Amino acid sequence: MPLKEFKIDSKDREIITLLIENPDISQKEIAERINLTQPSVAMRLKKLKEMGAIERCCGINPPKLGLHLARVDVVSKDTEGLLKRFRDCPYFLNGFVLSGKKNVCLLFVGEDIPTLEAIVNEHIRPLDEVESVEFNIVISTAKKLIAPVRMHIEQVEKPPCGIEIECRNCPIFKAQRCLGCPAIGQYRGSFW
C-alpha cells in the first residue's frame, strides 16, 4: 500500500521552521513573520497536525541532567521483536529498524554507564535472536537533544523487558554495577 503523499508549500515550510526554532511562538507572531493572517496560520497548523507532519513533544535534555546516552547497534533476526521487548523499559528512548548488516539501533538513557552496560550485557547480548551488538556512549551532540523520558514510572510485577530474573536476584545488581529497574521498584538511583 503506497504511503499517503503529503503536500506542503513554502509557507508550510516556513511555519515548521519557526516552530522548530521556537515551539512557543504564537500564531500571531508566525503570521506577522511570514505575511499571512492569523486565521490562515491557524488553518495551516491544523492541516499540518492532521497530516501528522508536525507534533508537539515535551522532554528533557539528558546531558543537562547528568544523564548518559547510549547507542546500541544490533544485528538481530527479529528486529520488531527486539524493539517491542524494550518499548516499556524506563531506560529506553527509541529504536530504529535499519537497512544494512546492523539492522537495529536502540537508544537508552541512564544515570550511570555501568547500568547501561548491564542492560546491554544482560538484556540484549544473551538473546537468541541477537547475533552481534555494538555499544557506544554518546559523548556530545551537534544540536540540543530533547528526549521524551517518562519521569513517573508505573510499577509492575515483572520487568517490562521480559527478563526472567528480578534485580534483587541479579549478580550485577548485587555487585552494585547496575542501579536496577524503576518499573519493578528495585531501583537504587535518584532520577526516577
N, C-alpha and C. Protein backbone atom coordinates (compact mmCIF):
# COMPACT_ATOMS: atom_id res chain seq x y z
N MET A 1 0.84 -1.17 0.00
CA MET A 1 0.00 0.00 0.00
C MET A 1 0.89 1.24 0.00
N PRO A 2 0.72 2.16 -0.94
CA PRO A 2 1.58 3.35 -1.00
C PRO A 2 1.33 4.28 0.18
N LEU A 3 2.39 4.96 0.57
CA LEU A 3 2.26 5.94 1.64
C LEU A 3 1.47 7.13 1.15
N LYS A 4 0.72 7.74 2.05
CA LYS A 4 -0.05 8.94 1.71
C LYS A 4 0.94 10.06 1.38
N GLU A 5 0.71 10.72 0.28
CA GLU A 5 1.60 11.80 -0.14
C GLU A 5 1.16 13.09 0.54
N PHE A 6 2.11 13.74 1.19
CA PHE A 6 1.83 14.99 1.86
C PHE A 6 2.20 16.14 0.94
N LYS A 7 1.31 17.10 0.83
CA LYS A 7 1.55 18.29 0.02
C LYS A 7 1.72 19.48 0.96
N ILE A 8 2.93 20.00 1.00
CA ILE A 8 3.17 21.22 1.77
C ILE A 8 3.81 22.23 0.83
N ASP A 9 3.59 23.50 1.12
CA ASP A 9 4.16 24.54 0.28
C ASP A 9 5.20 25.34 1.07
N SER A 10 5.70 26.40 0.47
CA SER A 10 6.78 27.16 1.09
C SER A 10 6.33 27.82 2.40
N LYS A 11 5.07 28.23 2.48
CA LYS A 11 4.56 28.84 3.73
C LYS A 11 4.51 27.79 4.85
N ASP A 12 4.09 26.56 4.50
CA ASP A 12 4.09 25.47 5.48
C ASP A 12 5.51 25.22 5.98
N ARG A 13 6.47 25.24 5.06
CA ARG A 13 7.88 25.02 5.44
C ARG A 13 8.36 26.12 6.38
N GLU A 14 7.96 27.36 6.09
CA GLU A 14 8.34 28.47 6.97
C GLU A 14 7.73 28.30 8.36
N ILE A 15 6.47 27.88 8.41
CA ILE A 15 5.80 27.65 9.70
C ILE A 15 6.53 26.56 10.48
N ILE A 16 6.83 25.47 9.84
CA ILE A 16 7.53 24.36 10.50
C ILE A 16 8.88 24.83 11.03
N THR A 17 9.62 25.58 10.23
CA THR A 17 10.93 26.08 10.66
C THR A 17 10.79 26.99 11.88
N LEU A 18 9.82 27.89 11.86
CA LEU A 18 9.62 28.78 13.00
C LEU A 18 9.26 27.99 14.27
N LEU A 19 8.45 26.96 14.12
CA LEU A 19 8.08 26.13 15.28
C LEU A 19 9.27 25.36 15.82
N ILE A 20 10.14 24.88 14.93
CA ILE A 20 11.34 24.16 15.38
C ILE A 20 12.26 25.11 16.13
N GLU A 21 12.40 26.32 15.62
CA GLU A 21 13.26 27.31 16.27
C GLU A 21 12.70 27.78 17.60
N ASN A 22 11.37 27.88 17.68
CA ASN A 22 10.72 28.35 18.91
C ASN A 22 9.35 27.69 19.04
N PRO A 23 9.27 26.54 19.75
CA PRO A 23 7.99 25.84 19.88
C PRO A 23 6.89 26.66 20.56
N ASP A 24 7.26 27.71 21.28
CA ASP A 24 6.27 28.53 21.98
C ASP A 24 5.82 29.75 21.18
N ILE A 25 6.24 29.86 19.94
CA ILE A 25 5.88 31.01 19.13
C ILE A 25 4.36 31.06 18.94
N SER A 26 3.79 32.25 18.98
CA SER A 26 2.34 32.40 18.84
C SER A 26 1.95 32.38 17.36
N GLN A 27 0.68 32.07 17.12
CA GLN A 27 0.17 32.12 15.76
C GLN A 27 0.25 33.54 15.21
N LYS A 28 0.02 34.51 16.07
CA LYS A 28 0.08 35.90 15.65
C LYS A 28 1.49 36.25 15.17
N GLU A 29 2.50 35.82 15.93
CA GLU A 29 3.88 36.13 15.54
C GLU A 29 4.26 35.40 14.25
N ILE A 30 3.82 34.16 14.09
CA ILE A 30 4.08 33.43 12.84
C ILE A 30 3.46 34.20 11.68
N ALA A 31 2.21 34.62 11.85
CA ALA A 31 1.50 35.35 10.79
C ALA A 31 2.26 36.62 10.39
N GLU A 32 2.74 37.35 11.38
CA GLU A 32 3.48 38.58 11.10
C GLU A 32 4.79 38.29 10.36
N ARG A 33 5.47 37.23 10.75
CA ARG A 33 6.79 36.93 10.17
C ARG A 33 6.71 36.38 8.75
N ILE A 34 5.59 35.73 8.40
CA ILE A 34 5.52 35.15 7.04
C ILE A 34 4.43 35.79 6.18
N ASN A 35 3.92 36.92 6.65
CA ASN A 35 2.95 37.71 5.88
C ASN A 35 1.67 36.94 5.54
N LEU A 36 1.07 36.36 6.56
CA LEU A 36 -0.24 35.72 6.44
C LEU A 36 -1.13 36.26 7.55
N THR A 37 -2.41 35.99 7.47
CA THR A 37 -3.29 36.36 8.58
C THR A 37 -3.22 35.27 9.65
N GLN A 38 -3.57 35.63 10.86
CA GLN A 38 -3.56 34.65 11.96
C GLN A 38 -4.52 33.50 11.68
N PRO A 39 -5.74 33.74 11.18
CA PRO A 39 -6.62 32.62 10.86
C PRO A 39 -6.04 31.68 9.80
N SER A 40 -5.33 32.24 8.84
CA SER A 40 -4.69 31.42 7.81
C SER A 40 -3.61 30.53 8.43
N VAL A 41 -2.84 31.09 9.35
CA VAL A 41 -1.81 30.29 10.04
C VAL A 41 -2.48 29.19 10.86
N ALA A 42 -3.58 29.53 11.54
CA ALA A 42 -4.30 28.54 12.33
C ALA A 42 -4.78 27.38 11.46
N MET A 43 -5.30 27.67 10.30
CA MET A 43 -5.78 26.62 9.38
C MET A 43 -4.61 25.75 8.90
N ARG A 44 -3.49 26.39 8.58
CA ARG A 44 -2.31 25.64 8.12
C ARG A 44 -1.78 24.74 9.25
N LEU A 45 -1.74 25.26 10.46
CA LEU A 45 -1.29 24.45 11.59
C LEU A 45 -2.21 23.25 11.80
N LYS A 46 -3.52 23.50 11.70
CA LYS A 46 -4.49 22.42 11.86
C LYS A 46 -4.26 21.35 10.79
N LYS A 47 -4.05 21.77 9.55
CA LYS A 47 -3.81 20.83 8.45
C LYS A 47 -2.52 20.04 8.68
N LEU A 48 -1.46 20.73 9.09
CA LEU A 48 -0.18 20.05 9.34
C LEU A 48 -0.29 19.03 10.47
N LYS A 49 -1.04 19.37 11.51
CA LYS A 49 -1.24 18.44 12.63
C LYS A 49 -2.06 17.24 12.19
N GLU A 50 -3.13 17.48 11.45
CA GLU A 50 -3.98 16.38 10.97
C GLU A 50 -3.22 15.44 10.03
N MET A 51 -2.30 16.00 9.24
CA MET A 51 -1.48 15.20 8.33
C MET A 51 -0.45 14.37 9.11
N GLY A 52 -0.18 14.76 10.34
CA GLY A 52 0.88 14.12 11.10
C GLY A 52 2.25 14.69 10.77
N ALA A 53 2.27 15.83 10.07
CA ALA A 53 3.53 16.45 9.67
C ALA A 53 4.22 17.15 10.83
N ILE A 54 3.45 17.62 11.81
CA ILE A 54 4.04 18.24 13.00
C ILE A 54 3.38 17.67 14.24
N GLU A 55 4.16 17.58 15.27
CA GLU A 55 3.67 17.16 16.59
C GLU A 55 4.39 17.97 17.63
N ARG A 56 3.76 18.12 18.74
CA ARG A 56 4.41 18.80 19.86
C ARG A 56 4.90 17.72 20.82
N CYS A 57 6.16 17.81 21.18
CA CYS A 57 6.77 16.82 22.05
C CYS A 57 7.48 17.54 23.18
N CYS A 58 7.28 17.07 24.37
CA CYS A 58 7.96 17.64 25.53
C CYS A 58 8.94 16.60 26.05
N GLY A 59 10.07 17.05 26.52
CA GLY A 59 11.05 16.11 27.03
C GLY A 59 12.10 16.80 27.85
N ILE A 60 13.18 16.09 28.07
CA ILE A 60 14.30 16.61 28.86
C ILE A 60 15.54 16.68 27.98
N ASN A 61 16.51 17.44 28.43
CA ASN A 61 17.81 17.49 27.79
C ASN A 61 18.72 16.62 28.65
N PRO A 62 18.93 15.34 28.29
CA PRO A 62 19.65 14.40 29.15
C PRO A 62 21.01 14.89 29.67
N PRO A 63 21.89 15.43 28.81
CA PRO A 63 23.19 15.87 29.34
C PRO A 63 23.07 16.96 30.40
N LYS A 64 22.06 17.84 30.28
CA LYS A 64 21.88 18.90 31.28
C LYS A 64 21.51 18.34 32.65
N LEU A 65 20.94 17.12 32.66
CA LEU A 65 20.58 16.48 33.93
C LEU A 65 21.62 15.45 34.36
N GLY A 66 22.75 15.42 33.68
CA GLY A 66 23.82 14.50 34.04
C GLY A 66 23.57 13.07 33.60
N LEU A 67 22.68 12.87 32.63
CA LEU A 67 22.37 11.53 32.15
C LEU A 67 23.27 11.17 30.97
N HIS A 68 23.53 9.89 30.81
CA HIS A 68 24.33 9.37 29.72
C HIS A 68 23.41 8.77 28.66
N LEU A 69 23.78 8.97 27.40
CA LEU A 69 23.06 8.38 26.28
C LEU A 69 23.89 7.24 25.71
N ALA A 70 23.21 6.15 25.41
CA ALA A 70 23.89 5.00 24.79
C ALA A 70 23.21 4.68 23.47
N ARG A 71 24.04 4.44 22.46
CA ARG A 71 23.55 3.95 21.17
C ARG A 71 24.01 2.51 21.05
N VAL A 72 23.04 1.62 20.85
CA VAL A 72 23.33 0.20 20.76
C VAL A 72 22.91 -0.27 19.38
N ASP A 73 23.90 -0.65 18.58
CA ASP A 73 23.63 -1.16 17.23
C ASP A 73 23.67 -2.68 17.28
N VAL A 74 22.64 -3.31 16.71
CA VAL A 74 22.45 -4.75 16.86
C VAL A 74 22.21 -5.39 15.50
N VAL A 75 22.72 -6.61 15.34
CA VAL A 75 22.32 -7.47 14.24
C VAL A 75 21.35 -8.47 14.86
N SER A 76 20.10 -8.44 14.41
CA SER A 76 19.06 -9.26 15.00
C SER A 76 18.27 -10.00 13.93
N LYS A 77 17.85 -11.21 14.29
CA LYS A 77 16.98 -11.99 13.40
C LYS A 77 15.52 -11.61 13.58
N ASP A 78 15.21 -10.82 14.63
CA ASP A 78 13.83 -10.40 14.90
C ASP A 78 13.83 -8.92 15.29
N THR A 79 13.89 -8.05 14.29
CA THR A 79 14.00 -6.62 14.56
C THR A 79 12.79 -6.07 15.32
N GLU A 80 11.60 -6.41 14.88
CA GLU A 80 10.39 -5.90 15.53
C GLU A 80 10.25 -6.44 16.95
N GLY A 81 10.60 -7.71 17.14
CA GLY A 81 10.54 -8.31 18.47
C GLY A 81 11.48 -7.63 19.45
N LEU A 82 12.67 -7.27 18.96
CA LEU A 82 13.64 -6.59 19.82
C LEU A 82 13.13 -5.20 20.21
N LEU A 83 12.57 -4.47 19.26
CA LEU A 83 12.01 -3.16 19.59
C LEU A 83 10.85 -3.28 20.57
N LYS A 84 10.00 -4.26 20.36
CA LYS A 84 8.85 -4.46 21.24
C LYS A 84 9.29 -4.81 22.66
N ARG A 85 10.35 -5.59 22.79
CA ARG A 85 10.86 -6.01 24.10
C ARG A 85 11.19 -4.81 24.98
N PHE A 86 11.76 -3.76 24.39
CA PHE A 86 12.22 -2.63 25.20
C PHE A 86 11.25 -1.45 25.23
N ARG A 87 10.14 -1.54 24.53
CA ARG A 87 9.20 -0.42 24.41
C ARG A 87 8.82 0.18 25.77
N ASP A 88 8.63 -0.62 26.80
CA ASP A 88 8.20 -0.11 28.11
C ASP A 88 9.33 0.02 29.12
N CYS A 89 10.56 -0.21 28.70
CA CYS A 89 11.72 -0.07 29.60
C CYS A 89 11.93 1.41 29.91
N PRO A 90 12.03 1.79 31.19
CA PRO A 90 12.23 3.20 31.54
C PRO A 90 13.50 3.81 30.94
N TYR A 91 14.52 2.99 30.70
CA TYR A 91 15.79 3.48 30.17
C TYR A 91 15.76 3.67 28.64
N PHE A 92 14.77 3.11 27.99
CA PHE A 92 14.70 3.09 26.53
C PHE A 92 14.12 4.40 25.98
N LEU A 93 14.87 5.04 25.08
CA LEU A 93 14.38 6.27 24.44
C LEU A 93 13.65 5.98 23.15
N ASN A 94 14.32 5.22 22.26
CA ASN A 94 13.73 4.95 20.96
C ASN A 94 14.54 3.85 20.29
N GLY A 95 13.97 3.30 19.24
CA GLY A 95 14.66 2.28 18.47
C GLY A 95 14.29 2.40 17.02
N PHE A 96 15.19 1.92 16.17
CA PHE A 96 15.01 2.05 14.73
C PHE A 96 15.38 0.75 14.04
N VAL A 97 14.59 0.34 13.06
CA VAL A 97 14.97 -0.75 12.18
C VAL A 97 15.75 -0.10 11.04
N LEU A 98 16.93 -0.64 10.75
CA LEU A 98 17.83 -0.05 9.76
C LEU A 98 18.06 -0.99 8.59
N SER A 99 18.51 -0.43 7.49
CA SER A 99 19.00 -1.27 6.40
C SER A 99 20.46 -1.59 6.71
N GLY A 100 21.00 -2.59 6.08
CA GLY A 100 22.39 -2.94 6.31
C GLY A 100 22.55 -4.04 7.33
N LYS A 101 23.81 -4.40 7.59
CA LYS A 101 24.10 -5.52 8.50
C LYS A 101 23.58 -5.25 9.91
N LYS A 102 23.95 -4.11 10.49
CA LYS A 102 23.42 -3.75 11.81
C LYS A 102 22.02 -3.21 11.58
N ASN A 103 21.02 -4.06 11.80
CA ASN A 103 19.67 -3.73 11.37
C ASN A 103 18.77 -3.15 12.45
N VAL A 104 19.29 -2.94 13.66
CA VAL A 104 18.53 -2.30 14.73
C VAL A 104 19.44 -1.33 15.47
N CYS A 105 18.92 -0.13 15.75
CA CYS A 105 19.62 0.83 16.58
C CYS A 105 18.71 1.14 17.76
N LEU A 106 19.23 0.97 18.96
CA LEU A 106 18.48 1.23 20.19
C LEU A 106 19.14 2.40 20.92
N LEU A 107 18.35 3.32 21.44
CA LEU A 107 18.86 4.43 22.22
C LEU A 107 18.37 4.30 23.66
N PHE A 108 19.31 4.38 24.59
CA PHE A 108 19.00 4.29 26.01
C PHE A 108 19.56 5.50 26.73
N VAL A 109 18.97 5.84 27.86
CA VAL A 109 19.45 6.93 28.72
C VAL A 109 19.53 6.38 30.13
N GLY A 110 20.57 6.78 30.87
CA GLY A 110 20.71 6.31 32.24
C GLY A 110 21.61 7.21 33.06
N GLU A 111 21.52 7.03 34.36
CA GLU A 111 22.31 7.85 35.29
C GLU A 111 23.78 7.48 35.30
N ASP A 112 24.07 6.22 35.01
CA ASP A 112 25.47 5.81 35.02
C ASP A 112 25.75 4.82 33.89
N ILE A 113 27.01 4.75 33.50
CA ILE A 113 27.40 3.88 32.40
C ILE A 113 27.31 2.40 32.79
N PRO A 114 27.67 2.00 34.01
CA PRO A 114 27.52 0.57 34.35
C PRO A 114 26.10 0.04 34.19
N THR A 115 25.08 0.84 34.50
CA THR A 115 23.70 0.39 34.31
C THR A 115 23.40 0.19 32.83
N LEU A 116 23.86 1.11 32.00
CA LEU A 116 23.67 0.97 30.56
C LEU A 116 24.40 -0.27 30.03
N GLU A 117 25.60 -0.52 30.54
CA GLU A 117 26.34 -1.73 30.16
C GLU A 117 25.59 -2.98 30.60
N ALA A 118 25.00 -2.94 31.78
CA ALA A 118 24.25 -4.09 32.28
C ALA A 118 23.04 -4.37 31.40
N ILE A 119 22.37 -3.33 30.94
CA ILE A 119 21.24 -3.53 30.03
C ILE A 119 21.71 -4.26 28.78
N VAL A 120 22.82 -3.81 28.23
CA VAL A 120 23.34 -4.42 27.01
C VAL A 120 23.81 -5.85 27.28
N ASN A 121 24.63 -6.02 28.30
CA ASN A 121 25.25 -7.33 28.55
C ASN A 121 24.29 -8.37 29.11
N GLU A 122 23.29 -7.94 29.87
CA GLU A 122 22.39 -8.90 30.50
C GLU A 122 21.02 -9.01 29.82
N HIS A 123 20.63 -7.99 29.06
CA HIS A 123 19.28 -7.98 28.47
C HIS A 123 19.27 -8.06 26.94
N ILE A 124 20.40 -7.76 26.31
CA ILE A 124 20.43 -7.78 24.84
C ILE A 124 21.34 -8.89 24.32
N ARG A 125 22.59 -8.91 24.74
CA ARG A 125 23.56 -9.89 24.21
C ARG A 125 23.09 -11.35 24.36
N PRO A 126 22.48 -11.74 25.49
CA PRO A 126 22.10 -13.15 25.65
C PRO A 126 20.91 -13.61 24.79
N LEU A 127 20.20 -12.70 24.15
CA LEU A 127 19.01 -13.08 23.40
C LEU A 127 19.37 -13.94 22.19
N ASP A 128 18.60 -15.00 21.97
CA ASP A 128 18.84 -15.91 20.85
C ASP A 128 18.77 -15.19 19.50
N GLU A 129 17.89 -14.21 19.38
CA GLU A 129 17.71 -13.52 18.10
C GLU A 129 18.80 -12.49 17.82
N VAL A 130 19.68 -12.24 18.78
CA VAL A 130 20.75 -11.25 18.63
C VAL A 130 22.03 -11.94 18.20
N GLU A 131 22.57 -11.49 17.06
CA GLU A 131 23.81 -12.07 16.53
C GLU A 131 25.04 -11.28 16.96
N SER A 132 24.93 -9.95 17.00
CA SER A 132 26.06 -9.13 17.45
C SER A 132 25.54 -7.80 17.98
N VAL A 133 26.36 -7.17 18.84
CA VAL A 133 25.98 -5.91 19.49
C VAL A 133 27.19 -4.98 19.50
N GLU A 134 26.95 -3.72 19.20
CA GLU A 134 27.96 -2.69 19.36
C GLU A 134 27.38 -1.64 20.29
N PHE A 135 28.08 -1.36 21.38
CA PHE A 135 27.61 -0.47 22.44
C PHE A 135 28.49 0.78 22.46
N ASN A 136 27.87 1.95 22.36
CA ASN A 136 28.60 3.21 22.37
C ASN A 136 27.91 4.21 23.28
N ILE A 137 28.71 4.97 24.01
CA ILE A 137 28.20 6.08 24.80
C ILE A 137 28.33 7.34 23.95
N VAL A 138 27.27 8.14 23.89
CA VAL A 138 27.29 9.39 23.14
C VAL A 138 28.09 10.40 23.96
N ILE A 139 29.11 10.97 23.34
CA ILE A 139 29.97 11.94 24.02
C ILE A 139 29.40 13.35 23.91
N SER A 140 28.94 13.72 22.73
CA SER A 140 28.36 15.05 22.55
C SER A 140 27.38 15.01 21.38
N THR A 141 26.55 16.05 21.29
CA THR A 141 25.57 16.15 20.20
C THR A 141 25.82 17.45 19.44
N ALA A 142 25.50 17.44 18.16
CA ALA A 142 25.66 18.63 17.33
C ALA A 142 24.56 19.65 17.63
N LYS A 143 23.39 19.16 17.96
CA LYS A 143 22.25 20.02 18.28
C LYS A 143 21.71 19.61 19.64
N LYS A 144 20.93 20.50 20.23
CA LYS A 144 20.28 20.18 21.51
C LYS A 144 19.39 18.96 21.30
N LEU A 145 19.47 18.03 22.21
CA LEU A 145 18.66 16.82 22.13
C LEU A 145 17.59 16.87 23.21
N ILE A 146 16.35 16.80 22.79
CA ILE A 146 15.24 16.74 23.74
C ILE A 146 14.66 15.34 23.66
N ALA A 147 14.68 14.64 24.76
CA ALA A 147 14.25 13.25 24.79
C ALA A 147 12.97 13.11 25.62
N PRO A 148 11.97 12.41 25.09
CA PRO A 148 10.71 12.23 25.83
C PRO A 148 10.83 11.12 26.87
N VAL A 149 11.55 11.40 27.94
CA VAL A 149 11.77 10.43 29.02
C VAL A 149 10.59 10.48 29.97
N ARG A 150 10.03 9.31 30.25
CA ARG A 150 8.93 9.24 31.23
C ARG A 150 9.51 9.42 32.63
N MET A 151 8.98 10.36 33.37
CA MET A 151 9.51 10.66 34.70
C MET A 151 8.75 9.91 35.80
N HIS A 152 7.51 9.57 35.54
CA HIS A 152 6.73 8.80 36.51
C HIS A 152 6.56 7.41 35.93
N ILE A 153 7.11 6.43 36.61
CA ILE A 153 7.10 5.06 36.11
C ILE A 153 6.04 4.26 36.87
N GLU A 154 5.11 3.68 36.11
CA GLU A 154 4.10 2.80 36.69
C GLU A 154 4.79 1.53 37.20
N GLN A 155 4.46 1.12 38.40
CA GLN A 155 5.04 -0.08 38.98
C GLN A 155 4.36 -1.33 38.42
N VAL A 156 5.17 -2.31 38.03
CA VAL A 156 4.68 -3.58 37.51
C VAL A 156 5.36 -4.71 38.29
N GLU A 157 4.81 -5.90 38.21
CA GLU A 157 5.37 -7.02 38.96
C GLU A 157 6.59 -7.63 38.28
N LYS A 158 6.55 -7.72 36.95
CA LYS A 158 7.65 -8.34 36.21
C LYS A 158 8.39 -7.28 35.41
N PRO A 159 9.70 -7.43 35.22
CA PRO A 159 10.46 -6.45 34.43
C PRO A 159 9.83 -6.28 33.03
N PRO A 160 9.65 -5.04 32.59
CA PRO A 160 8.99 -4.79 31.30
C PRO A 160 9.77 -5.33 30.10
N CYS A 161 11.07 -5.58 30.24
CA CYS A 161 11.86 -6.11 29.13
C CYS A 161 11.68 -7.61 28.96
N GLY A 162 10.98 -8.25 29.91
CA GLY A 162 10.71 -9.67 29.79
C GLY A 162 11.78 -10.58 30.35
N ILE A 163 12.83 -10.01 30.94
CA ILE A 163 13.88 -10.84 31.52
C ILE A 163 13.30 -11.59 32.72
N GLU A 164 13.73 -12.81 32.92
CA GLU A 164 13.15 -13.65 33.96
C GLU A 164 13.63 -13.32 35.37
N ILE A 165 14.82 -12.78 35.51
CA ILE A 165 15.40 -12.55 36.83
C ILE A 165 15.05 -11.14 37.33
N GLU A 166 14.70 -11.02 38.59
CA GLU A 166 14.45 -9.71 39.18
C GLU A 166 15.78 -9.11 39.60
N CYS A 167 15.83 -7.79 39.70
CA CYS A 167 17.07 -7.10 40.05
C CYS A 167 17.69 -7.64 41.34
N ARG A 168 16.86 -7.82 42.37
CA ARG A 168 17.40 -8.24 43.67
C ARG A 168 18.09 -9.60 43.61
N ASN A 169 17.81 -10.39 42.58
CA ASN A 169 18.44 -11.69 42.43
C ASN A 169 19.55 -11.69 41.37
N CYS A 170 19.80 -10.54 40.77
CA CYS A 170 20.80 -10.43 39.69
C CYS A 170 22.19 -10.17 40.28
N PRO A 171 23.19 -10.93 39.87
CA PRO A 171 24.54 -10.71 40.40
C PRO A 171 25.11 -9.32 40.07
N ILE A 172 24.72 -8.76 38.94
CA ILE A 172 25.20 -7.43 38.56
C ILE A 172 24.63 -6.38 39.52
N PHE A 173 23.35 -6.50 39.85
CA PHE A 173 22.70 -5.58 40.79
C PHE A 173 23.31 -5.77 42.18
N LYS A 174 23.48 -7.01 42.59
CA LYS A 174 24.06 -7.29 43.91
C LYS A 174 25.48 -6.73 44.04
N ALA A 175 26.23 -6.73 42.93
CA ALA A 175 27.60 -6.22 42.94
C ALA A 175 27.63 -4.69 42.78
N GLN A 176 26.46 -4.06 42.79
CA GLN A 176 26.31 -2.61 42.68
C GLN A 176 26.87 -2.06 41.37
N ARG A 177 26.75 -2.85 40.28
CA ARG A 177 27.18 -2.41 38.96
C ARG A 177 25.98 -2.06 38.07
N CYS A 178 24.80 -1.99 38.69
CA CYS A 178 23.58 -1.61 37.99
C CYS A 178 22.64 -1.00 39.02
N LEU A 179 21.94 0.06 38.62
CA LEU A 179 21.01 0.73 39.53
C LEU A 179 19.67 0.02 39.66
N GLY A 180 19.40 -0.95 38.79
CA GLY A 180 18.15 -1.68 38.86
C GLY A 180 17.06 -1.07 38.00
N CYS A 181 15.87 -1.65 38.11
CA CYS A 181 14.75 -1.26 37.26
C CYS A 181 13.72 -0.44 38.04
N PRO A 182 13.48 0.80 37.65
CA PRO A 182 12.47 1.62 38.33
C PRO A 182 11.06 1.05 38.20
N ALA A 183 10.79 0.29 37.14
CA ALA A 183 9.43 -0.20 36.90
C ALA A 183 9.01 -1.28 37.89
N ILE A 184 9.97 -2.01 38.48
CA ILE A 184 9.59 -3.06 39.41
C ILE A 184 9.94 -2.69 40.85
N GLY A 185 10.31 -1.42 41.05
CA GLY A 185 10.58 -0.93 42.40
C GLY A 185 11.88 -1.43 43.00
N GLN A 186 12.74 -1.98 42.16
CA GLN A 186 14.04 -2.45 42.62
C GLN A 186 15.10 -1.56 41.98
N TYR A 187 15.17 -0.36 42.48
CA TYR A 187 15.96 0.69 41.87
C TYR A 187 16.62 1.50 42.96
N ARG A 188 17.91 1.73 42.84
CA ARG A 188 18.60 2.50 43.86
C ARG A 188 19.21 3.80 43.32
N GLY A 189 18.73 4.24 42.18
CA GLY A 189 19.18 5.52 41.63
C GLY A 189 18.37 6.66 42.19
N SER A 190 18.57 7.83 41.62
CA SER A 190 17.85 9.02 42.13
C SER A 190 17.06 9.75 41.04
N PHE A 191 17.14 9.33 39.80
CA PHE A 191 16.48 10.06 38.73
C PHE A 191 14.99 9.74 38.63
N TRP A 192 14.63 8.46 38.69
CA TRP A 192 13.22 8.07 38.52
C TRP A 192 12.53 7.97 39.84
